Amino acid sequence: MKRLPEAVTTKFTELFAALHGATDDLKMAGAESCLIGDFSQVTVINDSCRKLQALESEIKATVN
């Protein structure tokens, strides 16, 4: 299998960093929702985190 061009690799690295940042932000929002007792929001946020993590895994599997 051929290696990806450096520009593409750089963009994937940026994408993964953005996904991690979004996941971290969601985790913080989930913690805040938990503290105030909004557990329905915690469920929604946790689901969103799982979807972002699944997306990252699918992208990595496709690229590799």
N, C-alpha and C. Protein backbone atom coordinates (compact mmCIF):
# COMPACT_ATOMS: atom_id res chain seq x y z
N MET A 1 0.84 -1.18 0.00
CA MET A 1 0.00 0.00 0.00
C MET A 1 0.88 1.24 0.00
N LYS A 2 0.49 2.22 -0.79
CA LYS A 2 1.26 3.45 -0.88
C LYS A 2 0.98 4.36 0.31
N ARG A 3 1.99 5.15 0.63
CA ARG A 3 1.85 6.15 1.69
C ARG A 3 1.04 7.33 1.19
N LEU A 4 0.27 7.94 2.08
CA LEU A 4 -0.50 9.12 1.71
C LEU A 4 0.43 10.32 1.57
N PRO A 5 0.08 11.25 0.68
CA PRO A 5 0.89 12.47 0.56
C PRO A 5 0.91 13.22 1.89
N GLU A 6 1.98 13.95 2.10
CA GLU A 6 2.16 14.68 3.37
C GLU A 6 1.01 15.64 3.64
N ALA A 7 0.51 16.32 2.61
CA ALA A 7 -0.58 17.27 2.80
C ALA A 7 -1.84 16.57 3.31
N VAL A 8 -2.10 15.38 2.79
CA VAL A 8 -3.27 14.62 3.22
C VAL A 8 -3.08 14.15 4.67
N THR A 9 -1.90 13.67 4.98
CA THR A 9 -1.60 13.22 6.34
C THR A 9 -1.77 14.38 7.32
N THR A 10 -1.32 15.56 6.94
CA THR A 10 -1.45 16.74 7.79
C THR A 10 -2.92 17.07 8.04
N LYS A 11 -3.72 16.99 7.00
CA LYS A 11 -5.15 17.28 7.15
C LYS A 11 -5.85 16.24 8.03
N PHE A 12 -5.45 14.97 7.91
CA PHE A 12 -6.02 13.96 8.79
C PHE A 12 -5.62 14.22 10.24
N THR A 13 -4.39 14.63 10.45
CA THR A 13 -3.93 14.95 11.80
C THR A 13 -4.75 16.11 12.37
N GLU A 14 -5.01 17.12 11.56
CA GLU A 14 -5.84 18.24 11.99
C GLU A 14 -7.27 17.79 12.28
N LEU A 15 -7.79 16.91 11.44
CA LEU A 15 -9.14 16.39 11.65
C LEU A 15 -9.23 15.63 12.97
N PHE A 16 -8.26 14.77 13.23
CA PHE A 16 -8.28 14.00 14.48
C PHE A 16 -8.13 14.91 15.70
N ALA A 17 -7.33 15.95 15.58
CA ALA A 17 -7.20 16.91 16.68
C ALA A 17 -8.52 17.63 16.92
N ALA A 18 -9.22 17.99 15.85
CA ALA A 18 -10.52 18.66 15.98
C ALA A 18 -11.55 17.71 16.61
N LEU A 19 -11.53 16.45 16.21
CA LEU A 19 -12.44 15.47 16.80
C LEU A 19 -12.17 15.29 18.29
N HIS A 20 -10.89 15.25 18.65
CA HIS A 20 -10.53 15.10 20.07
C HIS A 20 -10.98 16.34 20.86
N GLY A 21 -10.78 17.51 20.27
CA GLY A 21 -11.20 18.74 20.92
C GLY A 21 -12.71 18.79 21.13
N ALA A 22 -13.45 18.39 20.11
CA ALA A 22 -14.91 18.37 20.21
C ALA A 22 -15.36 17.36 21.26
N THR A 23 -14.71 16.21 21.28
CA THR A 23 -15.05 15.19 22.28
C THR A 23 -14.76 15.70 23.69
N ASP A 24 -13.62 16.35 23.86
CA ASP A 24 -13.28 16.91 25.17
C ASP A 24 -14.30 17.96 25.61
N ASP A 25 -14.71 18.82 24.67
CA ASP A 25 -15.72 19.84 24.98
C ASP A 25 -17.04 19.18 25.40
N LEU A 26 -17.42 18.13 24.69
CA LEU A 26 -18.65 17.43 25.04
C LEU A 26 -18.55 16.78 26.42
N LYS A 27 -17.39 16.23 26.72
CA LYS A 27 -17.21 15.61 28.04
C LYS A 27 -17.33 16.65 29.15
N MET A 28 -16.80 17.83 28.92
CA MET A 28 -16.92 18.91 29.92
C MET A 28 -18.39 19.33 30.07
N ALA A 29 -19.08 19.45 28.95
CA ALA A 29 -20.50 19.80 29.00
C ALA A 29 -21.30 18.71 29.72
N GLY A 30 -20.92 17.47 29.49
CA GLY A 30 -21.58 16.36 30.17
C GLY A 30 -21.36 16.40 31.67
N ALA A 31 -20.15 16.73 32.07
CA ALA A 31 -19.85 16.84 33.50
C ALA A 31 -20.65 17.97 34.13
N GLU A 32 -20.75 19.09 33.43
CA GLU A 32 -21.53 20.22 33.94
C GLU A 32 -23.01 19.85 34.05
N SER A 33 -23.52 19.15 33.03
CA SER A 33 -24.92 18.72 33.07
C SER A 33 -25.17 17.75 34.22
N CYS A 34 -24.21 16.91 34.46
CA CYS A 34 -24.32 15.95 35.56
C CYS A 34 -24.37 16.69 36.90
N LEU A 35 -23.54 17.70 37.04
CA LEU A 35 -23.50 18.46 38.29
C LEU A 35 -24.82 19.18 38.59
N ILE A 36 -25.48 19.64 37.52
CA ILE A 36 -26.75 20.34 37.75
C ILE A 36 -27.93 19.38 37.74
N GLY A 37 -27.67 18.11 37.46
CA GLY A 37 -28.73 17.11 37.53
C GLY A 37 -29.54 16.94 36.26
N ASP A 38 -29.03 17.44 35.13
CA ASP A 38 -29.75 17.31 33.85
C ASP A 38 -29.29 16.02 33.17
N PHE A 39 -29.79 14.91 33.66
CA PHE A 39 -29.31 13.61 33.21
C PHE A 39 -29.77 13.24 31.80
N SER A 40 -30.87 13.82 31.34
CA SER A 40 -31.27 13.57 29.95
C SER A 40 -30.24 14.20 29.00
N GLN A 41 -29.72 15.37 29.38
CA GLN A 41 -28.68 16.02 28.58
C GLN A 41 -27.39 15.21 28.63
N VAL A 42 -27.08 14.64 29.78
CA VAL A 42 -25.88 13.80 29.91
C VAL A 42 -25.96 12.63 28.94
N THR A 43 -27.13 12.03 28.83
CA THR A 43 -27.33 10.90 27.91
C THR A 43 -27.09 11.34 26.46
N VAL A 44 -27.64 12.48 26.08
CA VAL A 44 -27.46 13.00 24.73
C VAL A 44 -25.99 13.28 24.46
N ILE A 45 -25.32 13.89 25.40
CA ILE A 45 -23.90 14.24 25.24
C ILE A 45 -23.04 12.97 25.15
N ASN A 46 -23.31 12.00 26.01
CA ASN A 46 -22.55 10.75 25.96
C ASN A 46 -22.72 10.05 24.61
N ASP A 47 -23.94 10.08 24.08
CA ASP A 47 -24.20 9.49 22.77
C ASP A 47 -23.41 10.21 21.68
N SER A 48 -23.36 11.53 21.77
CA SER A 48 -22.60 12.31 20.80
C SER A 48 -21.10 11.98 20.88
N CYS A 49 -20.59 11.82 22.09
CA CYS A 49 -19.18 11.45 22.27
C CYS A 49 -18.89 10.11 21.62
N ARG A 50 -19.77 9.15 21.85
CA ARG A 50 -19.58 7.82 21.25
C ARG A 50 -19.60 7.89 19.73
N LYS A 51 -20.48 8.72 19.18
CA LYS A 51 -20.56 8.86 17.72
C LYS A 51 -19.27 9.48 17.16
N LEU A 52 -18.74 10.48 17.84
CA LEU A 52 -17.48 11.09 17.38
C LEU A 52 -16.33 10.09 17.45
N GLN A 53 -16.29 9.30 18.52
CA GLN A 53 -15.23 8.30 18.66
C GLN A 53 -15.37 7.21 17.60
N ALA A 54 -16.61 6.83 17.29
CA ALA A 54 -16.85 5.84 16.25
C ALA A 54 -16.44 6.39 14.89
N LEU A 55 -16.74 7.66 14.64
CA LEU A 55 -16.34 8.29 13.38
C LEU A 55 -14.83 8.28 13.23
N GLU A 56 -14.14 8.64 14.29
CA GLU A 56 -12.67 8.63 14.24
C GLU A 56 -12.15 7.22 13.96
N SER A 57 -12.71 6.23 14.59
CA SER A 57 -12.28 4.85 14.37
C SER A 57 -12.53 4.42 12.93
N GLU A 58 -13.70 4.78 12.39
CA GLU A 58 -14.03 4.42 11.01
C GLU A 58 -13.07 5.09 10.02
N ILE A 59 -12.76 6.35 10.27
CA ILE A 59 -11.84 7.08 9.38
C ILE A 59 -10.46 6.41 9.43
N LYS A 60 -9.98 6.12 10.64
CA LYS A 60 -8.66 5.48 10.77
C LYS A 60 -8.64 4.13 10.10
N ALA A 61 -9.70 3.35 10.25
CA ALA A 61 -9.76 2.03 9.62
C ALA A 61 -9.76 2.15 8.11
N THR A 62 -10.46 3.14 7.59
CA THR A 62 -10.52 3.35 6.14
C THR A 62 -9.17 3.79 5.59
N VAL A 63 -8.51 4.67 6.29
CA VAL A 63 -7.22 5.19 5.83
C VAL A 63 -6.15 4.11 5.87
N ASN A 64 -6.20 3.29 6.90
CA ASN A 64 -5.20 2.23 7.02
C ASN A 64 -5.56 1.06 6.16
